PDB file of all heavy atoms in Angstrom:
ATOM      1  N   ILE A   1     -15.886  -4.762  -4.431  1.00  0.00           N
ATOM      2  CA  ILE A   1     -14.596  -5.245  -3.910  1.00  0.00           C
ATOM      3  C   ILE A   1     -13.762  -5.723  -5.083  1.00  0.00           C
ATOM      4  O   ILE A   1     -14.233  -6.453  -5.996  1.00  0.00           O
ATOM      5  CB  ILE A   1     -14.834  -6.479  -2.943  1.00  0.00           C
ATOM      6  CG1 ILE A   1     -15.674  -6.021  -1.770  1.00  0.00           C
ATOM      7  CG2 ILE A   1     -13.463  -7.004  -2.507  1.00  0.00           C
ATOM      8  CD1 ILE A   1     -16.039  -7.206  -0.851  1.00  0.00           C
ATOM      9  N   ALA A   2     -12.499  -5.319  -5.137  1.00  0.00           N
ATOM     10  CA  ALA A   2     -11.565  -5.823  -6.118  1.00  0.00           C
ATOM     11  C   ALA A   2     -10.358  -6.440  -5.408  1.00  0.00           C
ATOM     12  O   ALA A   2      -9.760  -5.781  -4.502  1.00  0.00           O
ATOM     13  CB  ALA A   2     -11.105  -4.677  -7.021  1.00  0.00           C
ATOM     14  N   VAL A   3      -9.967  -7.653  -5.800  1.00  0.00           N
ATOM     15  CA  VAL A   3      -8.842  -8.325  -5.169  1.00  0.00           C
ATOM     16  C   VAL A   3      -7.598  -7.998  -6.004  1.00  0.00           C
ATOM     17  O   VAL A   3      -7.631  -8.124  -7.238  1.00  0.00           O
ATOM     18  CB  VAL A   3      -9.049  -9.826  -5.108  1.00  0.00           C
ATOM     19  CG1 VAL A   3      -7.872 -10.525  -4.449  1.00  0.00           C
ATOM     20  CG2 VAL A   3     -10.346 -10.148  -4.322  1.00  0.00           C
ATOM     21  N   VAL A   4      -6.547  -7.557  -5.343  1.00  0.00           N
ATOM     22  CA  VAL A   4      -5.376  -7.005  -6.041  1.00  0.00           C
ATOM     23  C   VAL A   4      -4.107  -7.747  -5.590  1.00  0.00           C
ATOM     24  O   VAL A   4      -3.875  -7.916  -4.385  1.00  0.00           O
ATOM     25  CB  VAL A   4      -5.196  -5.520  -5.781  1.00  0.00           C
ATOM     26  CG1 VAL A   4      -4.052  -4.940  -6.590  1.00  0.00           C
ATOM     27  CG2 VAL A   4      -6.500  -4.770  -6.076  1.00  0.00           C
ATOM     28  N   ARG A   5      -3.253  -8.113  -6.564  1.00  0.00           N
ATOM     29  CA  ARG A   5      -1.969  -8.679  -6.166  1.00  0.00           C
ATOM     30  C   ARG A   5      -0.906  -7.570  -6.138  1.00  0.00           C
ATOM     31  O   ARG A   5      -0.707  -6.806  -7.079  1.00  0.00           O
ATOM     32  CB  ARG A   5      -1.516  -9.758  -7.194  1.00  0.00           C
ATOM     33  CG  ARG A   5      -0.118 -10.318  -6.966  1.00  0.00           C
ATOM     34  CD  ARG A   5       0.115 -11.560  -7.803  1.00  0.00           C
ATOM     35  NE  ARG A   5      -0.025 -11.255  -9.249  1.00  0.00           N
ATOM     36  CZ  ARG A   5       0.980 -10.770  -9.990  1.00  0.00           C
ATOM     37  NH1 ARG A   5       2.140 -10.436  -9.475  1.00  0.00           N
ATOM     38  NH2 ARG A   5       0.780 -10.568 -11.290  1.00  0.00           N
ATOM     39  N   GLY A   6      -0.227  -7.512  -5.031  1.00  0.00           N
ATOM     40  CA  GLY A   6       0.840  -6.512  -4.872  1.00  0.00           C
ATOM     41  C   GLY A   6       2.188  -7.197  -4.704  1.00  0.00           C
ATOM     42  O   GLY A   6       2.337  -8.410  -4.910  1.00  0.00           O
ATOM     43  N   GLU A   7       3.184  -6.399  -4.294  1.00  0.00           N
ATOM     44  CA  GLU A   7       4.482  -6.928  -4.003  1.00  0.00           C
ATOM     45  C   GLU A   7       4.832  -6.542  -2.581  1.00  0.00           C
ATOM     46  O   GLU A   7       4.222  -5.606  -1.971  1.00  0.00           O
ATOM     47  CB  GLU A   7       5.533  -6.365  -4.969  1.00  0.00           C
ATOM     48  CG  GLU A   7       5.262  -6.710  -6.403  1.00  0.00           C
ATOM     49  CD  GLU A   7       6.274  -6.053  -7.374  1.00  0.00           C
ATOM     50  OE1 GLU A   7       7.452  -6.321  -7.224  1.00  0.00           O
ATOM     51  OE2 GLU A   7       5.822  -5.268  -8.228  1.00  0.00           O
ATOM     52  N   ALA A   8       5.825  -7.154  -1.990  1.00  0.00           N
ATOM     53  CA  ALA A   8       6.143  -6.930  -0.583  1.00  0.00           C
ATOM     54  C   ALA A   8       6.515  -5.470  -0.282  1.00  0.00           C
ATOM     55  O   ALA A   8       6.277  -4.984   0.786  1.00  0.00           O
ATOM     56  CB  ALA A   8       7.267  -7.847  -0.144  1.00  0.00           C
ATOM     57  N   HIS A   9       7.020  -4.765  -1.319  1.00  0.00           N
ATOM     58  CA  HIS A   9       7.434  -3.375  -1.132  1.00  0.00           C
ATOM     59  C   HIS A   9       6.578  -2.422  -1.832  1.00  0.00           C
ATOM     60  O   HIS A   9       6.840  -1.212  -1.835  1.00  0.00           O
ATOM     61  CB  HIS A   9       8.865  -3.186  -1.602  1.00  0.00           C
ATOM     62  CG  HIS A   9       8.998  -3.292  -3.093  1.00  0.00           C
ATOM     63  ND1 HIS A   9       8.875  -4.531  -3.747  1.00  0.00           N
ATOM     64  CD2 HIS A   9       9.155  -2.351  -4.062  1.00  0.00           C
ATOM     65  CE1 HIS A   9       8.965  -4.303  -5.038  1.00  0.00           C
ATOM     66  NE2 HIS A   9       9.147  -3.026  -5.266  1.00  0.00           N
ATOM     67  N   ASP A  10       5.459  -2.898  -2.538  1.00  0.00           N
ATOM     68  CA  ASP A  10       4.729  -2.037  -3.407  1.00  0.00           C
ATOM     69  C   ASP A  10       3.334  -2.654  -3.584  1.00  0.00           C
ATOM     70  O   ASP A  10       3.177  -3.701  -4.171  1.00  0.00           O
ATOM     71  CB  ASP A  10       5.412  -1.987  -4.759  1.00  0.00           C
ATOM     72  CG  ASP A  10       4.765  -1.026  -5.743  1.00  0.00           C
ATOM     73  OD1 ASP A  10       3.679  -0.464  -5.396  1.00  0.00           O
ATOM     74  OD2 ASP A  10       5.290  -0.875  -6.860  1.00  0.00           O
ATOM     75  N   PRO A  11       2.301  -1.923  -3.115  1.00  0.00           N
ATOM     76  CA  PRO A  11       0.901  -2.456  -3.226  1.00  0.00           C
ATOM     77  C   PRO A  11       0.376  -2.464  -4.675  1.00  0.00           C
ATOM     78  O   PRO A  11      -0.670  -3.118  -4.972  1.00  0.00           O
ATOM     79  CB  PRO A  11       0.109  -1.593  -2.331  1.00  0.00           C
ATOM     80  CG  PRO A  11       0.829  -0.309  -2.261  1.00  0.00           C
ATOM     81  CD  PRO A  11       2.298  -0.677  -2.367  1.00  0.00           C
ATOM     82  N   ARG A  12       1.030  -1.728  -5.555  1.00  0.00           N
ATOM     83  CA  ARG A  12       0.664  -1.688  -7.003  1.00  0.00           C
ATOM     84  C   ARG A  12      -0.815  -1.250  -7.180  1.00  0.00           C
ATOM     85  O   ARG A  12      -1.622  -1.873  -7.881  1.00  0.00           O
ATOM     86  CB  ARG A  12       0.888  -3.036  -7.641  1.00  0.00           C
ATOM     87  CG  ARG A  12       2.299  -3.586  -7.558  1.00  0.00           C
ATOM     88  CD  ARG A  12       3.228  -2.884  -8.535  1.00  0.00           C
ATOM     89  NE  ARG A  12       2.833  -3.081  -9.923  1.00  0.00           N
ATOM     90  CZ  ARG A  12       3.179  -4.077 -10.699  1.00  0.00           C
ATOM     91  NH1 ARG A  12       3.991  -5.043 -10.167  1.00  0.00           N
ATOM     92  NH2 ARG A  12       2.792  -4.168 -11.942  1.00  0.00           N
ATOM     93  N   LEU A  13      -1.143  -0.128  -6.515  1.00  0.00           N
ATOM     94  CA  LEU A  13      -2.491   0.450  -6.628  1.00  0.00           C
ATOM     95  C   LEU A  13      -2.485   1.725  -7.414  1.00  0.00           C
ATOM     96  O   LEU A  13      -1.483   2.416  -7.536  1.00  0.00           O
ATOM     97  CB  LEU A  13      -3.022   0.731  -5.210  1.00  0.00           C
ATOM     98  CG  LEU A  13      -3.155  -0.526  -4.308  1.00  0.00           C
ATOM     99  CD1 LEU A  13      -3.516  -0.097  -2.886  1.00  0.00           C
ATOM    100  CD2 LEU A  13      -4.147  -1.522  -4.845  1.00  0.00           C
ATOM    101  N   PRO A  14      -3.619   2.056  -8.038  1.00  0.00           N
ATOM    102  CA  PRO A  14      -3.676   3.233  -8.956  1.00  0.00           C
ATOM    103  C   PRO A  14      -3.311   4.558  -8.224  1.00  0.00           C
ATOM    104  O   PRO A  14      -3.648   4.730  -7.048  1.00  0.00           O
ATOM    105  CB  PRO A  14      -5.166   3.229  -9.425  1.00  0.00           C
ATOM    106  CG  PRO A  14      -5.603   1.834  -9.244  1.00  0.00           C
ATOM    107  CD  PRO A  14      -4.904   1.306  -8.058  1.00  0.00           C
ATOM    108  N   ALA A  15      -2.686   5.429  -8.906  1.00  0.00           N
ATOM    109  CA  ALA A  15      -2.250   6.732  -8.352  1.00  0.00           C
ATOM    110  C   ALA A  15      -3.428   7.524  -7.923  1.00  0.00           C
ATOM    111  O   ALA A  15      -4.457   7.605  -8.600  1.00  0.00           O
ATOM    112  CB  ALA A  15      -1.399   7.480  -9.363  1.00  0.00           C
ATOM    113  N   ALA A  16      -3.314   8.217  -6.802  1.00  0.00           N
ATOM    114  CA  ALA A  16      -4.298   9.124  -6.240  1.00  0.00           C
ATOM    115  C   ALA A  16      -5.721   8.552  -6.252  1.00  0.00           C
ATOM    116  O   ALA A  16      -6.701   9.231  -6.558  1.00  0.00           O
ATOM    117  CB  ALA A  16      -4.283  10.444  -7.059  1.00  0.00           C
ATOM    118  N   SER A  17      -5.864   7.293  -5.843  1.00  0.00           N
ATOM    119  CA  SER A  17      -7.147   6.614  -5.904  1.00  0.00           C
ATOM    120  C   SER A  17      -7.796   6.401  -4.553  1.00  0.00           C
ATOM    121  O   SER A  17      -8.994   6.102  -4.502  1.00  0.00           O
ATOM    122  CB  SER A  17      -7.023   5.285  -6.638  1.00  0.00           C
ATOM    123  OG  SER A  17      -6.149   4.411  -5.896  1.00  0.00           O
ATOM    124  N   LEU A  18      -7.054   6.505  -3.466  1.00  0.00           N
ATOM    125  CA  LEU A  18      -7.548   6.086  -2.197  1.00  0.00           C
ATOM    126  C   LEU A  18      -7.814   7.211  -1.209  1.00  0.00           C
ATOM    127  O   LEU A  18      -7.040   8.118  -1.044  1.00  0.00           O
ATOM    128  CB  LEU A  18      -6.510   5.146  -1.483  1.00  0.00           C
ATOM    129  CG  LEU A  18      -6.073   3.916  -2.259  1.00  0.00           C
ATOM    130  CD1 LEU A  18      -4.959   3.203  -1.514  1.00  0.00           C
ATOM    131  CD2 LEU A  18      -7.265   2.972  -2.488  1.00  0.00           C
ATOM    132  N   ASP A  19      -9.018   7.105  -0.540  1.00  0.00           N
ATOM    133  CA  ASP A  19      -9.317   8.029   0.510  1.00  0.00           C
ATOM    134  C   ASP A  19      -8.610   7.569   1.827  1.00  0.00           C
ATOM    135  O   ASP A  19      -8.257   8.384   2.635  1.00  0.00           O
ATOM    136  CB  ASP A  19     -10.858   8.063   0.762  1.00  0.00           C
ATOM    137  CG  ASP A  19     -11.580   8.667  -0.405  1.00  0.00           C
ATOM    138  OD1 ASP A  19     -11.432   9.882  -0.647  1.00  0.00           O
ATOM    139  OD2 ASP A  19     -12.268   7.930  -1.132  1.00  0.00           O
ATOM    140  N   ALA A  20      -8.493   6.234   1.941  1.00  0.00           N
ATOM    141  CA  ALA A  20      -7.906   5.688   3.148  1.00  0.00           C
ATOM    142  C   ALA A  20      -7.364   4.294   2.869  1.00  0.00           C
ATOM    143  O   ALA A  20      -7.794   3.628   1.924  1.00  0.00           O
ATOM    144  CB  ALA A  20      -8.934   5.639   4.312  1.00  0.00           C
ATOM    145  N   ALA A  21      -6.449   3.864   3.711  1.00  0.00           N
ATOM    146  CA  ALA A  21      -5.890   2.513   3.635  1.00  0.00           C
ATOM    147  C   ALA A  21      -5.681   1.959   5.026  1.00  0.00           C
ATOM    148  O   ALA A  21      -5.386   2.725   5.946  1.00  0.00           O
ATOM    149  CB  ALA A  21      -4.564   2.456   2.868  1.00  0.00           C
ATOM    150  N   VAL A  22      -5.898   0.686   5.214  1.00  0.00           N
ATOM    151  CA  VAL A  22      -5.648   0.045   6.487  1.00  0.00           C
ATOM    152  C   VAL A  22      -4.628  -1.056   6.335  1.00  0.00           C
ATOM    153  O   VAL A  22      -4.600  -1.785   5.356  1.00  0.00           O
ATOM    154  CB  VAL A  22      -6.950  -0.513   7.140  1.00  0.00           C
ATOM    155  CG1 VAL A  22      -7.893   0.623   7.483  1.00  0.00           C
ATOM    156  CG2 VAL A  22      -7.644  -1.497   6.198  1.00  0.00           C
ATOM    157  N   LEU A  23      -3.749  -1.201   7.331  1.00  0.00           N
ATOM    158  CA  LEU A  23      -2.795  -2.277   7.435  1.00  0.00           C
ATOM    159  C   LEU A  23      -3.035  -2.926   8.809  1.00  0.00           C
ATOM    160  O   LEU A  23      -2.714  -2.329   9.825  1.00  0.00           O
ATOM    161  CB  LEU A  23      -1.328  -1.763   7.322  1.00  0.00           C
ATOM    162  CG  LEU A  23      -0.931  -1.126   5.973  1.00  0.00           C
ATOM    163  CD1 LEU A  23      -1.373   0.288   5.843  1.00  0.00           C
ATOM    164  CD2 LEU A  23       0.624  -1.165   5.836  1.00  0.00           C
ATOM    165  N   VAL A  24      -3.637  -4.074   8.777  1.00  0.00           N
ATOM    166  CA  VAL A  24      -4.141  -4.657  10.049  1.00  0.00           C
ATOM    167  C   VAL A  24      -3.301  -5.856  10.465  1.00  0.00           C
ATOM    168  O   VAL A  24      -3.265  -6.871   9.798  1.00  0.00           O
ATOM    169  CB  VAL A  24      -5.592  -5.087   9.867  1.00  0.00           C
ATOM    170  CG1 VAL A  24      -6.159  -5.652  11.184  1.00  0.00           C
ATOM    171  CG2 VAL A  24      -6.465  -3.857   9.427  1.00  0.00           C
ATOM    172  N   HIS A  25      -2.648  -5.726  11.616  1.00  0.00           N
ATOM    173  CA  HIS A  25      -1.869  -6.800  12.204  1.00  0.00           C
ATOM    174  C   HIS A  25      -0.915  -7.419  11.191  1.00  0.00           C
ATOM    175  O   HIS A  25      -0.768  -8.638  11.170  1.00  0.00           O
ATOM    176  CB  HIS A  25      -2.776  -7.866  12.863  1.00  0.00           C
ATOM    177  CG  HIS A  25      -3.498  -7.352  14.059  1.00  0.00           C
ATOM    178  ND1 HIS A  25      -2.804  -7.042  15.269  1.00  0.00           N
ATOM    179  CD2 HIS A  25      -4.793  -7.039  14.272  1.00  0.00           C
ATOM    180  CE1 HIS A  25      -3.704  -6.578  16.116  1.00  0.00           C
ATOM    181  NE2 HIS A  25      -4.862  -6.582  15.558  1.00  0.00           N
ATOM    182  N   MET A  26      -0.280  -6.590  10.430  1.00  0.00           N
ATOM    183  CA  MET A  26       0.691  -7.107   9.413  1.00  0.00           C
ATOM    184  C   MET A  26       1.894  -6.207   9.178  1.00  0.00           C
ATOM    185  O   MET A  26       2.840  -6.565   8.486  1.00  0.00           O
ATOM    186  CB  MET A  26      -0.019  -7.372   8.090  1.00  0.00           C
ATOM    187  CG  MET A  26      -0.759  -6.190   7.466  1.00  0.00           C
ATOM    188  SD  MET A  26       0.293  -4.872   6.774  1.00  0.00           S
ATOM    189  CE  MET A  26       0.950  -5.688   5.327  1.00  0.00           C
ATOM    190  N   TYR A  27       1.896  -5.013   9.865  1.00  0.00           N
ATOM    191  CA  TYR A  27       3.017  -4.102   9.626  1.00  0.00           C
ATOM    192  C   TYR A  27       4.340  -4.735   9.973  1.00  0.00           C
ATOM    193  O   TYR A  27       5.329  -4.576   9.285  1.00  0.00           O
ATOM    194  CB  TYR A  27       2.784  -2.828  10.454  1.00  0.00           C
ATOM    195  CG  TYR A  27       3.885  -1.779  10.117  1.00  0.00           C
ATOM    196  CD1 TYR A  27       3.705  -0.937   9.016  1.00  0.00           C
ATOM    197  CD2 TYR A  27       5.027  -1.675  10.878  1.00  0.00           C
ATOM    198  CE1 TYR A  27       4.693   0.000   8.718  1.00  0.00           C
ATOM    199  CE2 TYR A  27       5.984  -0.735  10.561  1.00  0.00           C
ATOM    200  CZ  TYR A  27       5.851   0.095   9.476  1.00  0.00           C
ATOM    201  OH  TYR A  27       6.814   0.997   9.153  1.00  0.00           O
ATOM    202  N   HIS A  28       4.341  -5.538  11.042  1.00  0.00           N
ATOM    203  CA  HIS A  28       5.581  -6.226  11.491  1.00  0.00           C
ATOM    204  C   HIS A  28       6.070  -7.315  10.510  1.00  0.00           C
ATOM    205  O   HIS A  28       7.153  -7.817  10.671  1.00  0.00           O
ATOM    206  CB  HIS A  28       5.355  -6.863  12.877  1.00  0.00           C
ATOM    207  CG  HIS A  28       4.083  -7.689  12.936  1.00  0.00           C
ATOM    208  ND1 HIS A  28       2.897  -7.136  13.303  1.00  0.00           N
ATOM    209  CD2 HIS A  28       3.847  -8.970  12.648  1.00  0.00           C
ATOM    210  CE1 HIS A  28       1.951  -8.087  13.230  1.00  0.00           C
ATOM    211  NE2 HIS A  28       2.523  -9.205  12.848  1.00  0.00           N
ATOM    212  N   GLU A  29       5.217  -7.629   9.522  1.00  0.00           N
ATOM    213  CA  GLU A  29       5.552  -8.638   8.534  1.00  0.00           C
ATOM    214  C   GLU A  29       6.136  -8.021   7.243  1.00  0.00           C
ATOM    215  O   GLU A  29       6.499  -8.739   6.297  1.00  0.00           O
ATOM    216  CB  GLU A  29       4.337  -9.512   8.150  1.00  0.00           C
ATOM    217  CG  GLU A  29       3.833 -10.285   9.332  1.00  0.00           C
ATOM    218  CD  GLU A  29       2.472 -10.977   9.044  1.00  0.00           C
ATOM    219  OE1 GLU A  29       1.903 -10.651   7.993  1.00  0.00           O
ATOM    220  OE2 GLU A  29       2.037 -11.789   9.876  1.00  0.00           O
ATOM    221  N   ILE A  30       6.146  -6.669   7.193  1.00  0.00           N
ATOM    222  CA  ILE A  30       6.617  -6.025   5.964  1.00  0.00           C
ATOM    223  C   ILE A  30       8.117  -5.981   5.961  1.00  0.00           C
ATOM    224  O   ILE A  30       8.774  -5.421   6.795  1.00  0.00           O
ATOM    225  CB  ILE A  30       6.080  -4.552   5.893  1.00  0.00           C
ATOM    226  CG1 ILE A  30       4.540  -4.557   5.950  1.00  0.00           C
ATOM    227  CG2 ILE A  30       6.569  -3.841   4.698  1.00  0.00           C
ATOM    228  CD1 ILE A  30       3.951  -3.160   6.108  1.00  0.00           C
ATOM    229  N   SER A  31       8.676  -6.603   4.947  1.00  0.00           N
ATOM    230  CA  SER A  31      10.151  -6.735   4.835  1.00  0.00           C
ATOM    231  C   SER A  31      10.822  -5.474   4.412  1.00  0.00           C
ATOM    232  O   SER A  31      11.981  -5.243   4.714  1.00  0.00           O
ATOM    233  CB  SER A  31      10.529  -7.876   3.902  1.00  0.00           C
ATOM    234  OG  SER A  31       9.990  -7.631   2.629  1.00  0.00           O
ATOM    235  N   GLN A  32      10.126  -4.584   3.673  1.00  0.00           N
ATOM    236  CA  GLN A  32      10.643  -3.342   3.223  1.00  0.00           C
ATOM    237  C   GLN A  32       9.618  -2.233   3.483  1.00  0.00           C
ATOM    238  O   GLN A  32       8.895  -1.762   2.594  1.00  0.00           O
ATOM    239  CB  GLN A  32      11.005  -3.406   1.711  1.00  0.00           C
ATOM    240  CG  GLN A  32      11.603  -2.151   1.126  1.00  0.00           C
ATOM    241  CD  GLN A  32      12.581  -1.420   2.072  1.00  0.00           C
ATOM    242  OE1 GLN A  32      12.196  -0.498   2.824  1.00  0.00           O
ATOM    243  NE2 GLN A  32      13.844  -1.817   1.990  1.00  0.00           N
ATOM    244  N   PRO A  33       9.509  -1.835   4.765  1.00  0.00           N
ATOM    245  CA  PRO A  33       8.481  -0.800   5.118  1.00  0.00           C
ATOM    246  C   PRO A  33       8.666   0.551   4.456  1.00  0.00           C
ATOM    247  O   PRO A  33       7.676   1.155   4.072  1.00  0.00           O
ATOM    248  CB  PRO A  33       8.636  -0.699   6.665  1.00  0.00           C
ATOM    249  CG  PRO A  33      10.034  -1.153   6.935  1.00  0.00           C
ATOM    250  CD  PRO A  33      10.324  -2.227   5.970  1.00  0.00           C
ATOM    251  N   TYR A  34       9.913   0.994   4.265  1.00  0.00           N
ATOM    252  CA  TYR A  34      10.093   2.280   3.665  1.00  0.00           C
ATOM    253  C   TYR A  34       9.658   2.314   2.214  1.00  0.00           C
ATOM    254  O   TYR A  34       9.072   3.264   1.725  1.00  0.00           O
ATOM    255  CB  TYR A  34      11.600   2.666   3.778  1.00  0.00           C
ATOM    256  CG  TYR A  34      12.060   2.692   5.261  1.00  0.00           C
ATOM    257  CD1 TYR A  34      12.940   1.723   5.662  1.00  0.00           C
ATOM    258  CD2 TYR A  34      11.573   3.612   6.138  1.00  0.00           C
ATOM    259  CE1 TYR A  34      13.367   1.670   6.994  1.00  0.00           C
ATOM    260  CE2 TYR A  34      11.986   3.590   7.489  1.00  0.00           C
ATOM    261  CZ  TYR A  34      12.896   2.606   7.904  1.00  0.00           C
ATOM    262  OH  TYR A  34      13.280   2.590   9.216  1.00  0.00           O
ATOM    263  N   GLY A  35       9.940   1.187   1.499  1.00  0.00           N
ATOM    264  CA  GLY A  35       9.501   1.081   0.139  1.00  0.00           C
ATOM    265  C   GLY A  35       7.979   0.984   0.007  1.00  0.00           C
ATOM    266  O   GLY A  35       7.369   1.648  -0.823  1.00  0.00           O
ATOM    267  N   LEU A  36       7.377   0.214   0.900  1.00  0.00           N
ATOM    268  CA  LEU A  36       5.934   0.027   0.870  1.00  0.00           C
ATOM    269  C   LEU A  36       5.236   1.358   1.181  1.00  0.00           C
ATOM    270  O   LEU A  36       4.301   1.753   0.454  1.00  0.00           O
ATOM    271  CB  LEU A  36       5.450  -1.020   1.849  1.00  0.00           C
ATOM    272  CG  LEU A  36       3.954  -1.241   1.858  1.00  0.00           C
ATOM    273  CD1 LEU A  36       3.487  -1.982   0.604  1.00  0.00           C
ATOM    274  CD2 LEU A  36       3.524  -2.012   3.087  1.00  0.00           C
ATOM    275  N   LEU A  37       5.714   2.050   2.190  1.00  0.00           N
ATOM    276  CA  LEU A  37       5.050   3.293   2.510  1.00  0.00           C
ATOM    277  C   LEU A  37       5.252   4.387   1.439  1.00  0.00           C
ATOM    278  O   LEU A  37       4.314   5.156   1.127  1.00  0.00           O
ATOM    279  CB  LEU A  37       5.639   3.828   3.859  1.00  0.00           C
ATOM    280  CG  LEU A  37       5.331   3.016   5.090  1.00  0.00           C
ATOM    281  CD1 LEU A  37       6.169   3.425   6.281  1.00  0.00           C
ATOM    282  CD2 LEU A  37       3.851   3.144   5.420  1.00  0.00           C
ATOM    283  N   HIS A  38       6.420   4.380   0.833  1.00  0.00           N
ATOM    284  CA  HIS A  38       6.682   5.324  -0.272  1.00  0.00           C
ATOM    285  C   HIS A  38       5.753   5.075  -1.442  1.00  0.00           C
ATOM    286  O   HIS A  38       5.127   5.975  -1.996  1.00  0.00           O
ATOM    287  CB  HIS A  38       8.156   5.150  -0.701  1.00  0.00           C
ATOM    288  CG  HIS A  38       8.564   6.072  -1.815  1.00  0.00           C
ATOM    289  ND1 HIS A  38       9.213   7.307  -1.558  1.00  0.00           N
ATOM    290  CD2 HIS A  38       8.434   6.034  -3.183  1.00  0.00           C
ATOM    291  CE1 HIS A  38       9.410   7.925  -2.668  1.00  0.00           C
ATOM    292  NE2 HIS A  38       9.000   7.170  -3.701  1.00  0.00           N
ATOM    293  N   ASN A  39       5.649   3.818  -1.844  1.00  0.00           N
ATOM    294  CA  ASN A  39       4.810   3.449  -3.021  1.00  0.00           C
ATOM    295  C   ASN A  39       3.312   3.576  -2.683  1.00  0.00           C
ATOM    296  O   ASN A  39       2.512   3.907  -3.567  1.00  0.00           O
ATOM    297  CB  ASN A  39       5.124   2.065  -3.498  1.00  0.00           C
ATOM    298  CG  ASN A  39       6.534   2.023  -4.173  1.00  0.00           C
ATOM    299  OD1 ASN A  39       6.882   2.929  -4.887  1.00  0.00           O
ATOM    300  ND2 ASN A  39       7.292   0.961  -3.908  1.00  0.00           N
ATOM    301  N   LEU A  40       2.909   3.298  -1.426  1.00  0.00           N
ATOM    302  CA  LEU A  40       1.533   3.441  -1.016  1.00  0.00           C
ATOM    303  C   LEU A  40       1.107   4.902  -1.105  1.00  0.00           C
ATOM    304  O   LEU A  40      -0.012   5.216  -1.475  1.00  0.00           O
ATOM    305  CB  LEU A  40       1.303   2.883   0.389  1.00  0.00           C
ATOM    306  CG  LEU A  40      -0.028   3.094   1.009  1.00  0.00           C
ATOM    307  CD1 LEU A  40      -1.159   2.438   0.177  1.00  0.00           C
ATOM    308  CD2 LEU A  40      -0.083   2.539   2.464  1.00  0.00           C
ATOM    309  N   ALA A  41       2.004   5.822  -0.652  1.00  0.00           N
ATOM    310  CA  ALA A  41       1.679   7.222  -0.682  1.00  0.00           C
ATOM    311  C   ALA A  41       1.253   7.690  -2.021  1.00  0.00           C
ATOM    312  O   ALA A  41       0.381   8.592  -2.141  1.00  0.00           O
ATOM    313  CB  ALA A  41       2.882   8.049  -0.168  1.00  0.00           C
ATOM    314  N   ALA A  42       1.812   7.171  -3.073  1.00  0.00           N
ATOM    315  CA  ALA A  42       1.462   7.572  -4.417  1.00  0.00           C
ATOM    316  C   ALA A  42      -0.013   7.244  -4.782  1.00  0.00           C
ATOM    317  O   ALA A  42      -0.611   7.829  -5.665  1.00  0.00           O
ATOM    318  CB  ALA A  42       2.385   6.908  -5.477  1.00  0.00           C
ATOM    319  N   ALA A  43      -0.522   6.237  -4.055  1.00  0.00           N
ATOM    320  CA  ALA A  43      -1.909   5.798  -4.350  1.00  0.00           C
ATOM    321  C   ALA A  43      -2.940   6.585  -3.521  1.00  0.00           C
ATOM    322  O   ALA A  43      -4.138   6.430  -3.748  1.00  0.00           O
ATOM    323  CB  ALA A  43      -2.050   4.303  -4.011  1.00  0.00           C
ATOM    324  N   MET A  44      -2.487   7.377  -2.591  1.00  0.00           N
ATOM    325  CA  MET A  44      -3.393   8.137  -1.717  1.00  0.00           C
ATOM    326  C   MET A  44      -3.835   9.491  -2.334  1.00  0.00           C
ATOM    327  O   MET A  44      -3.029  10.159  -3.008  1.00  0.00           O
ATOM    328  CB  MET A  44      -2.732   8.400  -0.396  1.00  0.00           C
ATOM    329  CG  MET A  44      -2.153   7.206   0.355  1.00  0.00           C
ATOM    330  SD  MET A  44      -3.395   5.900   0.684  1.00  0.00           S
ATOM    331  CE  MET A  44      -4.530   6.782   1.772  1.00  0.00           C
ATOM    332  N   LYS A  45      -5.114   9.805  -2.135  1.00  0.00           N
ATOM    333  CA  LYS A  45      -5.551  11.133  -2.512  1.00  0.00           C
ATOM    334  C   LYS A  45      -4.958  12.180  -1.518  1.00  0.00           C
ATOM    335  O   LYS A  45      -4.519  11.814  -0.483  1.00  0.00           O
ATOM    336  CB  LYS A  45      -7.074  11.180  -2.441  1.00  0.00           C
ATOM    337  CG  LYS A  45      -7.798  10.277  -3.434  1.00  0.00           C
ATOM    338  CD  LYS A  45      -9.308  10.379  -3.271  1.00  0.00           C
ATOM    339  CE  LYS A  45     -10.043   9.431  -4.216  1.00  0.00           C
ATOM    340  NZ  LYS A  45     -11.541   9.506  -4.013  1.00  0.00           N
ATOM    341  N   PRO A  46      -4.993  13.450  -1.923  1.00  0.00           N
ATOM    342  CA  PRO A  46      -4.488  14.439  -0.961  1.00  0.00           C
ATOM    343  C   PRO A  46      -5.235  14.384   0.353  1.00  0.00           C
ATOM    344  O   PRO A  46      -6.476  14.349   0.377  1.00  0.00           O
ATOM    345  CB  PRO A  46      -4.785  15.824  -1.728  1.00  0.00           C
ATOM    346  CG  PRO A  46      -4.765  15.389  -3.192  1.00  0.00           C
ATOM    347  CD  PRO A  46      -5.375  13.996  -3.241  1.00  0.00           C
TER     348      PRO A  46
END
C-alpha cells in the first residue's frame, strides 16, 4: 500500500500504472470532474 497526495482535479498518479481505480461515495464531492477524469485516464493501463 502506498499513500498518495493528489489534487482535487488531478490524482497525480504514474502514467499507465493502473489496472483499475475505484471512486467510492465521493464522485459528488469532486469539484472538477472533467479534469480529474482526464488526468486519471493518463494513469490507466490500456
